[in-house]
Amino acid sequence: MLGPKSPTSNVCWCLSYRIPSKLNNELHGPARGEYVANLCAAEPPPGVLAYDGDEPVGWAAVAPRSETSFARNRKIPHIDDLPVWSLWCIRVRPGHRKQGISHALITGAVEFARDRGAPAIEAYPLDNGDAKVDLTMAYAGLRKNFERAGFTKAADTTSVLAGHPRILMRLDLSSFGH
């Protein structure tokens, strides 16, 4: 679900925001997959999967912000000192889109973070209004999908992806039942 079509490819694997850019640039081909396999064996795992029966059809990356490059990202502000978690990548496999899987992934990521003690969870989606978004760049999610899940806009960012501004959205988890 995380890997590119070609296992020798040097892209994706959802590592670019998770690890320092130097390491991200040094990991090539199959080494990227091996790195992710090790992440999957660790606690907490690197995200959540959505299944259709036994088939994985979606992925969401979620982790403490302090363990991601968002901890140091100059384009995405810190709005306070809470040890928030970041939800930064949502992918739904082709052939399974428009079935509510993105919503299930957001909900699952929220529960995942809350169950591990996160006081709040942030996302950095595209604020695209009704404009179409290139699917390869839609991994950050769309504002309306996060609003539907209860997130609210907390700040503007200076980050732009696929020609659309990204905003910081947050969901307070202290009011959610455990």
N, C-alpha and C. Protein backbone atom coordinates (compact mmCIF):
# COMPACT_ATOMS: atom_id res chain seq x y z
N MET A 1 0.83 -1.19 0.00
CA MET A 1 0.00 0.00 0.00
C MET A 1 0.87 1.26 0.00
N LEU A 2 2.04 1.17 0.65
CA LEU A 2 2.90 2.35 0.76
C LEU A 2 3.90 2.49 -0.36
N GLY A 3 4.27 1.37 -0.93
CA GLY A 3 5.37 1.40 -1.88
C GLY A 3 4.95 1.82 -3.27
N PRO A 4 5.91 2.35 -4.03
CA PRO A 4 5.65 2.66 -5.43
C PRO A 4 5.50 1.38 -6.23
N LYS A 5 4.99 1.50 -7.46
CA LYS A 5 4.80 0.31 -8.30
C LYS A 5 6.11 -0.46 -8.49
N SER A 6 7.20 0.28 -8.68
CA SER A 6 8.50 -0.37 -8.84
C SER A 6 9.25 -0.39 -7.52
N PRO A 7 9.63 -1.59 -7.03
CA PRO A 7 10.34 -1.65 -5.75
C PRO A 7 11.72 -1.00 -5.77
N THR A 8 12.25 -0.72 -6.97
CA THR A 8 13.56 -0.06 -7.04
C THR A 8 13.43 1.46 -7.08
N SER A 9 12.20 1.96 -7.08
CA SER A 9 11.96 3.40 -7.13
C SER A 9 12.46 4.08 -5.85
N ASN A 10 12.85 5.33 -5.98
CA ASN A 10 13.35 6.09 -4.83
C ASN A 10 12.33 7.08 -4.29
N VAL A 11 11.07 6.87 -4.60
CA VAL A 11 10.03 7.79 -4.15
C VAL A 11 9.09 7.11 -3.17
N CYS A 12 8.23 7.90 -2.61
CA CYS A 12 7.11 7.44 -1.80
C CYS A 12 7.56 6.70 -0.55
N TRP A 13 6.91 5.63 -0.23
CA TRP A 13 7.09 4.91 1.02
C TRP A 13 6.72 5.78 2.22
N CYS A 14 6.14 6.95 1.95
CA CYS A 14 5.68 7.85 3.01
C CYS A 14 6.80 8.18 4.01
N LEU A 15 7.99 8.42 3.49
CA LEU A 15 9.13 8.72 4.35
C LEU A 15 9.53 10.19 4.36
N SER A 16 9.13 10.97 3.35
CA SER A 16 9.71 12.31 3.21
C SER A 16 9.45 13.22 4.40
N TYR A 17 8.31 13.08 5.08
CA TYR A 17 8.06 13.92 6.25
C TYR A 17 8.43 13.21 7.55
N ARG A 18 8.73 11.93 7.46
CA ARG A 18 8.96 11.12 8.67
C ARG A 18 10.42 11.12 9.11
N ILE A 19 11.33 11.24 8.16
CA ILE A 19 12.75 11.11 8.49
C ILE A 19 13.52 12.34 8.01
N PRO A 20 14.68 12.60 8.58
CA PRO A 20 15.47 13.76 8.13
C PRO A 20 15.75 13.68 6.63
N SER A 21 15.78 14.83 5.97
CA SER A 21 15.93 14.83 4.51
C SER A 21 17.23 14.16 4.07
N LYS A 22 18.30 14.27 4.85
CA LYS A 22 19.56 13.61 4.49
C LYS A 22 19.36 12.10 4.39
N LEU A 23 18.72 11.51 5.39
CA LEU A 23 18.45 10.07 5.36
C LEU A 23 17.49 9.73 4.23
N ASN A 24 16.47 10.56 4.03
CA ASN A 24 15.50 10.33 2.96
C ASN A 24 16.20 10.28 1.60
N ASN A 25 17.19 11.16 1.41
CA ASN A 25 17.92 11.20 0.15
C ASN A 25 18.90 10.04 0.01
N GLU A 26 19.36 9.49 1.13
CA GLU A 26 20.33 8.39 1.09
C GLU A 26 19.68 7.03 0.88
N LEU A 27 18.42 6.88 1.28
CA LEU A 27 17.74 5.59 1.15
C LEU A 27 17.28 5.39 -0.29
N HIS A 28 17.78 4.36 -0.94
CA HIS A 28 17.43 4.11 -2.34
C HIS A 28 16.76 2.76 -2.50
N GLY A 29 15.82 2.71 -3.46
CA GLY A 29 15.20 1.45 -3.88
C GLY A 29 14.71 0.60 -2.72
N PRO A 30 15.10 -0.67 -2.71
CA PRO A 30 14.59 -1.61 -1.70
C PRO A 30 14.91 -1.20 -0.26
N ALA A 31 15.95 -0.39 -0.05
CA ALA A 31 16.28 0.06 1.31
C ALA A 31 15.15 0.89 1.90
N ARG A 32 14.40 1.58 1.04
CA ARG A 32 13.26 2.36 1.53
C ARG A 32 12.19 1.44 2.11
N GLY A 33 11.91 0.36 1.38
CA GLY A 33 10.92 -0.61 1.85
C GLY A 33 11.36 -1.29 3.13
N GLU A 34 12.65 -1.60 3.24
CA GLU A 34 13.17 -2.23 4.45
C GLU A 34 13.05 -1.28 5.64
N TYR A 35 13.30 0.00 5.41
CA TYR A 35 13.18 0.99 6.49
C TYR A 35 11.73 1.04 6.99
N VAL A 36 10.78 1.05 6.06
CA VAL A 36 9.37 1.09 6.43
C VAL A 36 8.96 -0.20 7.14
N ALA A 37 9.48 -1.34 6.69
CA ALA A 37 9.17 -2.62 7.37
C ALA A 37 9.60 -2.55 8.83
N ASN A 38 10.76 -1.94 9.09
CA ASN A 38 11.22 -1.79 10.47
C ASN A 38 10.31 -0.84 11.26
N LEU A 39 9.86 0.24 10.61
CA LEU A 39 8.92 1.14 11.27
C LEU A 39 7.63 0.41 11.65
N CYS A 40 7.18 -0.47 10.76
CA CYS A 40 5.93 -1.21 11.01
C CYS A 40 6.06 -2.17 12.18
N ALA A 41 7.28 -2.59 12.46
CA ALA A 41 7.51 -3.52 13.57
C ALA A 41 7.67 -2.78 14.90
N ALA A 42 7.81 -1.46 14.83
CA ALA A 42 8.04 -0.65 16.04
C ALA A 42 6.70 -0.22 16.64
N GLU A 43 6.79 0.39 17.83
CA GLU A 43 5.60 0.94 18.49
C GLU A 43 5.83 2.44 18.70
N PRO A 44 4.96 3.33 18.29
CA PRO A 44 3.74 2.99 17.57
C PRO A 44 4.02 2.70 16.10
N PRO A 45 3.17 1.90 15.45
CA PRO A 45 3.32 1.70 14.00
C PRO A 45 3.20 3.05 13.28
N PRO A 46 3.65 3.13 12.02
CA PRO A 46 3.72 4.42 11.34
C PRO A 46 2.40 4.97 10.81
N GLY A 47 1.29 4.27 11.02
CA GLY A 47 0.02 4.78 10.54
C GLY A 47 -1.06 3.72 10.61
N VAL A 48 -2.12 3.97 9.88
CA VAL A 48 -3.27 3.06 9.87
C VAL A 48 -3.61 2.66 8.45
N LEU A 49 -4.19 1.47 8.33
CA LEU A 49 -4.63 0.94 7.03
C LEU A 49 -6.14 0.78 7.04
N ALA A 50 -6.73 0.90 5.87
CA ALA A 50 -8.14 0.57 5.67
C ALA A 50 -8.19 -0.68 4.80
N TYR A 51 -9.10 -1.57 5.13
CA TYR A 51 -9.23 -2.83 4.39
C TYR A 51 -10.60 -2.95 3.76
N ASP A 52 -10.65 -3.62 2.62
CA ASP A 52 -11.88 -4.09 2.01
C ASP A 52 -11.76 -5.61 2.07
N GLY A 53 -12.38 -6.21 3.08
CA GLY A 53 -12.14 -7.64 3.33
C GLY A 53 -10.70 -7.81 3.79
N ASP A 54 -9.93 -8.62 3.07
CA ASP A 54 -8.53 -8.85 3.41
C ASP A 54 -7.57 -7.94 2.63
N GLU A 55 -8.10 -7.15 1.72
CA GLU A 55 -7.25 -6.34 0.85
C GLU A 55 -7.05 -4.93 1.43
N PRO A 56 -5.77 -4.52 1.63
CA PRO A 56 -5.54 -3.14 2.07
C PRO A 56 -5.86 -2.17 0.93
N VAL A 57 -6.73 -1.18 1.20
CA VAL A 57 -7.16 -0.26 0.16
C VAL A 57 -6.85 1.20 0.49
N GLY A 58 -6.36 1.46 1.70
CA GLY A 58 -6.04 2.84 2.07
C GLY A 58 -5.01 2.90 3.17
N TRP A 59 -4.36 4.05 3.26
CA TRP A 59 -3.28 4.27 4.23
C TRP A 59 -3.35 5.71 4.72
N ALA A 60 -3.10 5.90 6.01
CA ALA A 60 -2.92 7.24 6.56
C ALA A 60 -1.70 7.24 7.47
N ALA A 61 -0.80 8.19 7.24
CA ALA A 61 0.40 8.35 8.06
C ALA A 61 0.06 9.24 9.24
N VAL A 62 0.37 8.76 10.44
CA VAL A 62 0.10 9.55 11.65
C VAL A 62 1.18 9.24 12.68
N ALA A 63 1.71 10.29 13.31
CA ALA A 63 2.79 10.12 14.29
C ALA A 63 2.87 11.39 15.13
N PRO A 64 3.54 11.29 16.29
CA PRO A 64 3.79 12.52 17.05
C PRO A 64 4.54 13.54 16.17
N ARG A 65 4.07 14.76 16.16
CA ARG A 65 4.71 15.79 15.32
C ARG A 65 6.20 15.88 15.62
N SER A 66 6.58 15.68 16.88
CA SER A 66 7.98 15.78 17.28
C SER A 66 8.86 14.76 16.57
N GLU A 67 8.27 13.69 16.06
CA GLU A 67 9.04 12.64 15.37
C GLU A 67 9.00 12.81 13.85
N THR A 68 8.49 13.93 13.38
CA THR A 68 8.39 14.17 11.94
C THR A 68 9.13 15.44 11.57
N SER A 69 9.28 15.68 10.28
CA SER A 69 9.92 16.93 9.86
C SER A 69 9.02 18.13 10.10
N PHE A 70 7.73 17.90 10.41
CA PHE A 70 6.86 19.03 10.75
C PHE A 70 7.32 19.71 12.04
N ALA A 71 8.11 19.01 12.85
CA ALA A 71 8.66 19.61 14.07
C ALA A 71 9.57 20.78 13.73
N ARG A 72 10.19 20.72 12.53
CA ARG A 72 11.15 21.75 12.13
C ARG A 72 10.72 22.53 10.89
N ASN A 73 9.56 22.21 10.35
CA ASN A 73 9.11 22.82 9.10
C ASN A 73 8.82 24.31 9.29
N ARG A 74 9.50 25.16 8.51
CA ARG A 74 9.32 26.60 8.67
C ARG A 74 8.03 27.10 8.02
N LYS A 75 7.45 26.31 7.14
CA LYS A 75 6.25 26.76 6.42
C LYS A 75 4.96 26.43 7.18
N ILE A 76 5.04 25.49 8.12
CA ILE A 76 3.85 25.07 8.87
C ILE A 76 4.07 25.45 10.32
N PRO A 77 3.29 26.41 10.83
CA PRO A 77 3.56 26.96 12.16
C PRO A 77 3.23 26.01 13.30
N HIS A 78 3.85 26.28 14.43
CA HIS A 78 3.45 25.65 15.70
C HIS A 78 2.50 26.64 16.35
N ILE A 79 1.31 26.21 16.71
CA ILE A 79 0.37 27.18 17.30
C ILE A 79 0.41 27.18 18.82
N ASP A 80 1.03 26.15 19.41
CA ASP A 80 1.23 26.12 20.86
C ASP A 80 2.24 25.01 21.16
N ASP A 81 2.45 24.74 22.44
CA ASP A 81 3.47 23.75 22.82
C ASP A 81 2.89 22.37 23.10
N LEU A 82 1.62 22.15 22.77
CA LEU A 82 1.03 20.82 22.99
C LEU A 82 1.80 19.77 22.18
N PRO A 83 2.01 18.58 22.74
CA PRO A 83 2.68 17.50 22.00
C PRO A 83 1.70 16.84 21.02
N VAL A 84 1.31 17.62 20.01
CA VAL A 84 0.30 17.15 19.05
C VAL A 84 0.85 16.04 18.15
N TRP A 85 -0.06 15.31 17.54
CA TRP A 85 0.29 14.34 16.52
C TRP A 85 -0.05 14.94 15.16
N SER A 86 0.66 14.50 14.14
CA SER A 86 0.45 14.97 12.77
C SER A 86 -0.14 13.83 11.92
N LEU A 87 -1.11 14.20 11.11
CA LEU A 87 -1.71 13.30 10.11
C LEU A 87 -1.44 13.96 8.77
N TRP A 88 -0.52 13.39 7.98
CA TRP A 88 -0.06 14.14 6.81
C TRP A 88 -0.21 13.44 5.48
N CYS A 89 -0.60 12.20 5.47
CA CYS A 89 -0.72 11.52 4.18
C CYS A 89 -1.91 10.58 4.21
N ILE A 90 -2.77 10.69 3.21
CA ILE A 90 -3.92 9.80 3.07
C ILE A 90 -3.92 9.30 1.63
N ARG A 91 -3.88 8.00 1.47
CA ARG A 91 -3.89 7.42 0.12
C ARG A 91 -4.99 6.37 0.05
N VAL A 92 -5.75 6.41 -1.03
CA VAL A 92 -6.76 5.38 -1.29
C VAL A 92 -6.41 4.76 -2.63
N ARG A 93 -6.37 3.45 -2.66
CA ARG A 93 -5.99 2.71 -3.86
C ARG A 93 -6.99 2.99 -4.99
N PRO A 94 -6.48 3.17 -6.22
CA PRO A 94 -7.39 3.35 -7.37
C PRO A 94 -8.39 2.19 -7.43
N GLY A 95 -9.61 2.52 -7.82
CA GLY A 95 -10.67 1.51 -7.86
C GLY A 95 -11.46 1.45 -6.56
N HIS A 96 -10.98 2.16 -5.53
CA HIS A 96 -11.65 2.15 -4.23
C HIS A 96 -12.00 3.57 -3.77
N ARG A 97 -11.81 4.53 -4.66
CA ARG A 97 -12.07 5.92 -4.27
C ARG A 97 -13.57 6.21 -4.31
N LYS A 98 -13.96 7.30 -3.67
CA LYS A 98 -15.36 7.75 -3.61
C LYS A 98 -16.25 6.76 -2.86
N GLN A 99 -15.67 6.03 -1.91
CA GLN A 99 -16.43 5.06 -1.12
C GLN A 99 -16.36 5.35 0.38
N GLY A 100 -15.85 6.53 0.74
CA GLY A 100 -15.77 6.88 2.16
C GLY A 100 -14.52 6.38 2.85
N ILE A 101 -13.57 5.86 2.09
CA ILE A 101 -12.36 5.30 2.71
C ILE A 101 -11.49 6.40 3.32
N SER A 102 -11.41 7.56 2.66
CA SER A 102 -10.63 8.68 3.25
C SER A 102 -11.19 9.05 4.61
N HIS A 103 -12.51 9.11 4.72
CA HIS A 103 -13.14 9.45 6.00
C HIS A 103 -12.81 8.38 7.05
N ALA A 104 -12.89 7.11 6.65
CA ALA A 104 -12.56 6.02 7.58
C ALA A 104 -11.10 6.11 8.02
N LEU A 105 -10.20 6.49 7.11
CA LEU A 105 -8.79 6.63 7.46
C LEU A 105 -8.56 7.77 8.44
N ILE A 106 -9.22 8.91 8.20
CA ILE A 106 -9.08 10.04 9.13
C ILE A 106 -9.60 9.63 10.50
N THR A 107 -10.78 9.01 10.54
CA THR A 107 -11.35 8.56 11.81
C THR A 107 -10.42 7.57 12.51
N GLY A 108 -9.87 6.63 11.75
CA GLY A 108 -8.95 5.64 12.32
C GLY A 108 -7.68 6.28 12.85
N ALA A 109 -7.15 7.26 12.12
CA ALA A 109 -5.93 7.95 12.56
C ALA A 109 -6.19 8.73 13.84
N VAL A 110 -7.36 9.37 13.93
CA VAL A 110 -7.73 10.11 15.14
C VAL A 110 -7.80 9.16 16.33
N GLU A 111 -8.45 8.03 16.16
CA GLU A 111 -8.56 7.05 17.26
C GLU A 111 -7.19 6.49 17.63
N PHE A 112 -6.37 6.23 16.64
CA PHE A 112 -5.00 5.72 16.84
C PHE A 112 -4.20 6.68 17.72
N ALA A 113 -4.24 7.99 17.37
CA ALA A 113 -3.50 9.00 18.13
C ALA A 113 -4.09 9.15 19.53
N ARG A 114 -5.40 9.22 19.62
CA ARG A 114 -6.06 9.39 20.92
C ARG A 114 -5.73 8.22 21.84
N ASP A 115 -5.78 7.00 21.32
CA ASP A 115 -5.48 5.80 22.12
C ASP A 115 -4.05 5.79 22.63
N ARG A 116 -3.16 6.57 22.00
CA ARG A 116 -1.76 6.64 22.41
C ARG A 116 -1.46 7.93 23.17
N GLY A 117 -2.52 8.61 23.63
CA GLY A 117 -2.36 9.75 24.52
C GLY A 117 -2.19 11.11 23.87
N ALA A 118 -2.41 11.20 22.56
CA ALA A 118 -2.27 12.51 21.90
C ALA A 118 -3.32 13.48 22.43
N PRO A 119 -2.92 14.70 22.81
CA PRO A 119 -3.89 15.69 23.27
C PRO A 119 -4.67 16.33 22.13
N ALA A 120 -4.07 16.31 20.93
CA ALA A 120 -4.68 16.90 19.75
C ALA A 120 -4.00 16.30 18.53
N ILE A 121 -4.68 16.40 17.40
CA ILE A 121 -4.10 15.92 16.15
C ILE A 121 -4.23 17.02 15.11
N GLU A 122 -3.18 17.20 14.32
CA GLU A 122 -3.15 18.21 13.27
C GLU A 122 -3.05 17.55 11.91
N ALA A 123 -3.59 18.28 10.92
CA ALA A 123 -3.43 17.89 9.52
C ALA A 123 -3.10 19.16 8.75
N TYR A 124 -2.55 19.00 7.56
CA TYR A 124 -2.08 20.13 6.77
C TYR A 124 -2.63 20.01 5.35
N PRO A 125 -3.98 19.97 5.24
CA PRO A 125 -4.60 19.68 3.94
C PRO A 125 -4.57 20.87 2.98
N LEU A 126 -4.93 20.56 1.74
CA LEU A 126 -5.09 21.58 0.71
C LEU A 126 -6.40 22.31 0.94
N ASP A 127 -6.34 23.63 0.85
CA ASP A 127 -7.55 24.45 0.92
C ASP A 127 -7.93 24.76 -0.52
N ASN A 128 -8.57 23.79 -1.17
CA ASN A 128 -8.79 23.87 -2.61
C ASN A 128 -10.19 24.33 -3.01
N GLY A 129 -11.06 24.63 -2.05
CA GLY A 129 -12.42 25.02 -2.40
C GLY A 129 -13.07 23.94 -3.24
N ASP A 130 -13.61 24.31 -4.39
CA ASP A 130 -14.22 23.34 -5.29
C ASP A 130 -13.28 22.96 -6.44
N ALA A 131 -12.04 23.47 -6.40
CA ALA A 131 -11.11 23.21 -7.49
C ALA A 131 -10.66 21.76 -7.50
N LYS A 132 -10.47 21.22 -8.68
CA LYS A 132 -9.95 19.87 -8.83
C LYS A 132 -8.50 19.84 -8.37
N VAL A 133 -8.11 18.69 -7.81
CA VAL A 133 -6.73 18.52 -7.34
C VAL A 133 -6.13 17.30 -8.03
N ASP A 134 -4.91 17.45 -8.51
CA ASP A 134 -4.17 16.32 -9.09
C ASP A 134 -4.07 15.22 -8.03
N LEU A 135 -4.54 14.02 -8.35
CA LEU A 135 -4.59 12.95 -7.35
C LEU A 135 -3.23 12.59 -6.78
N THR A 136 -2.18 12.73 -7.57
CA THR A 136 -0.86 12.40 -7.02
C THR A 136 -0.45 13.39 -5.94
N MET A 137 -1.05 14.58 -5.95
CA MET A 137 -0.70 15.60 -4.97
C MET A 137 -1.76 15.74 -3.89
N ALA A 138 -2.79 14.94 -3.94
CA ALA A 138 -3.88 15.06 -2.97
C ALA A 138 -3.59 14.30 -1.68
N TYR A 139 -2.38 13.75 -1.57
CA TYR A 139 -2.05 12.94 -0.38
C TYR A 139 -2.21 13.73 0.93
N ALA A 140 -2.06 15.05 0.88
CA ALA A 140 -2.17 15.86 2.10
C ALA A 140 -3.61 15.92 2.60
N GLY A 141 -4.54 15.50 1.78
CA GLY A 141 -5.95 15.56 2.15
C GLY A 141 -6.56 16.89 1.74
N LEU A 142 -7.87 16.95 1.82
CA LEU A 142 -8.61 18.14 1.43
C LEU A 142 -9.33 18.71 2.64
N ARG A 143 -9.37 20.04 2.70
CA ARG A 143 -9.98 20.72 3.85
C ARG A 143 -11.36 20.16 4.19
N LYS A 144 -12.22 19.96 3.17
CA LYS A 144 -13.60 19.56 3.45
C LYS A 144 -13.66 18.18 4.11
N ASN A 145 -12.72 17.30 3.78
CA ASN A 145 -12.72 15.97 4.41
C ASN A 145 -12.36 16.05 5.89
N PHE A 146 -11.47 16.96 6.23
CA PHE A 146 -11.11 17.12 7.64
C PHE A 146 -12.20 17.86 8.41
N GLU A 147 -12.86 18.83 7.76
CA GLU A 147 -13.99 19.51 8.41
C GLU A 147 -15.09 18.49 8.73
N ARG A 148 -15.34 17.58 7.80
CA ARG A 148 -16.35 16.55 8.01
C ARG A 148 -16.01 15.68 9.22
N ALA A 149 -14.73 15.54 9.51
CA ALA A 149 -14.28 14.71 10.63
C ALA A 149 -14.15 15.51 11.93
N GLY A 150 -14.55 16.79 11.90
CA GLY A 150 -14.55 17.58 13.12
C GLY A 150 -13.34 18.48 13.31
N PHE A 151 -12.38 18.46 12.38
CA PHE A 151 -11.22 19.34 12.47
C PHE A 151 -11.65 20.77 12.15
N THR A 152 -10.95 21.73 12.73
CA THR A 152 -11.20 23.14 12.40
C THR A 152 -9.88 23.79 12.00
N LYS A 153 -10.00 24.82 11.16
CA LYS A 153 -8.80 25.55 10.73
C LYS A 153 -8.21 26.25 11.94
N ALA A 154 -6.92 26.04 12.17
CA ALA A 154 -6.24 26.65 13.31
C ALA A 154 -5.25 27.72 12.88
N ALA A 155 -4.74 27.62 11.63
CA ALA A 155 -3.75 28.60 11.17
C ALA A 155 -3.55 28.47 9.66
N ASP A 156 -3.11 29.57 9.07
CA ASP A 156 -2.63 29.52 7.70
C ASP A 156 -1.20 29.01 7.71
N THR A 157 -0.73 28.52 6.58
CA THR A 157 0.67 28.13 6.43
C THR A 157 1.21 28.86 5.20
N THR A 158 2.51 28.80 5.01
CA THR A 158 3.08 29.34 3.78
C THR A 158 3.40 28.20 2.81
N SER A 159 2.90 27.01 3.11
CA SER A 159 3.12 25.85 2.25
C SER A 159 2.06 25.81 1.15
N VAL A 160 2.51 25.52 -0.06
CA VAL A 160 1.63 25.38 -1.22
C VAL A 160 1.92 24.03 -1.86
N LEU A 161 0.89 23.32 -2.24
CA LEU A 161 1.05 22.01 -2.87
C LEU A 161 0.10 21.95 -4.06
N ALA A 162 0.61 21.61 -5.22
CA ALA A 162 -0.19 21.49 -6.44
C ALA A 162 -0.97 22.78 -6.72
N GLY A 163 -0.38 23.93 -6.37
CA GLY A 163 -1.01 25.21 -6.65
C GLY A 163 -2.06 25.63 -5.64
N HIS A 164 -2.27 24.83 -4.59
CA HIS A 164 -3.27 25.16 -3.57
C HIS A 164 -2.58 25.43 -2.24
N PRO A 165 -3.06 26.45 -1.51
CA PRO A 165 -2.49 26.68 -0.18
C PRO A 165 -2.84 25.53 0.77
N ARG A 166 -1.92 25.23 1.67
CA ARG A 166 -2.21 24.27 2.73
C ARG A 166 -2.54 25.05 3.99
N ILE A 167 -3.45 24.53 4.77
CA ILE A 167 -3.80 25.14 6.04
C ILE A 167 -3.52 24.15 7.16
N LEU A 168 -3.37 24.67 8.36
CA LEU A 168 -3.21 23.81 9.52
C LEU A 168 -4.60 23.64 10.14
N MET A 169 -5.03 22.39 10.24
CA MET A 169 -6.31 22.07 10.87
C MET A 169 -6.04 21.21 12.08
N ARG A 170 -6.87 21.38 13.11
CA ARG A 170 -6.62 20.66 14.34
C ARG A 170 -7.92 20.12 14.93
N LEU A 171 -7.77 19.00 15.61
CA LEU A 171 -8.87 18.40 16.36
C LEU A 171 -8.38 18.17 17.79
N ASP A 172 -9.05 18.77 18.75
CA ASP A 172 -8.72 18.58 20.17
C ASP A 172 -9.23 17.22 20.59
N LEU A 173 -8.35 16.39 21.14
CA LEU A 173 -8.75 15.03 21.53
C LEU A 173 -9.08 14.91 23.01
N SER A 174 -8.88 15.99 23.77
CA SER A 174 -9.16 15.90 25.21
C SER A 174 -10.65 15.76 25.48
N SER A 175 -11.49 16.19 24.55
CA SER A 175 -12.94 16.11 24.76
C SER A 175 -13.51 14.79 24.24
N PHE A 176 -12.69 14.00 23.56
CA PHE A 176 -13.15 12.71 23.04
C PHE A 176 -13.12 11.67 24.15
N GLY A 177 -14.12 10.84 24.19
CA GLY A 177 -14.13 9.76 25.19
C GLY A 177 -13.06 8.75 24.92
N HIS A 178 -12.63 8.04 25.96
CA HIS A 178 -11.57 7.03 25.79
C HIS A 178 -12.16 5.65 25.79
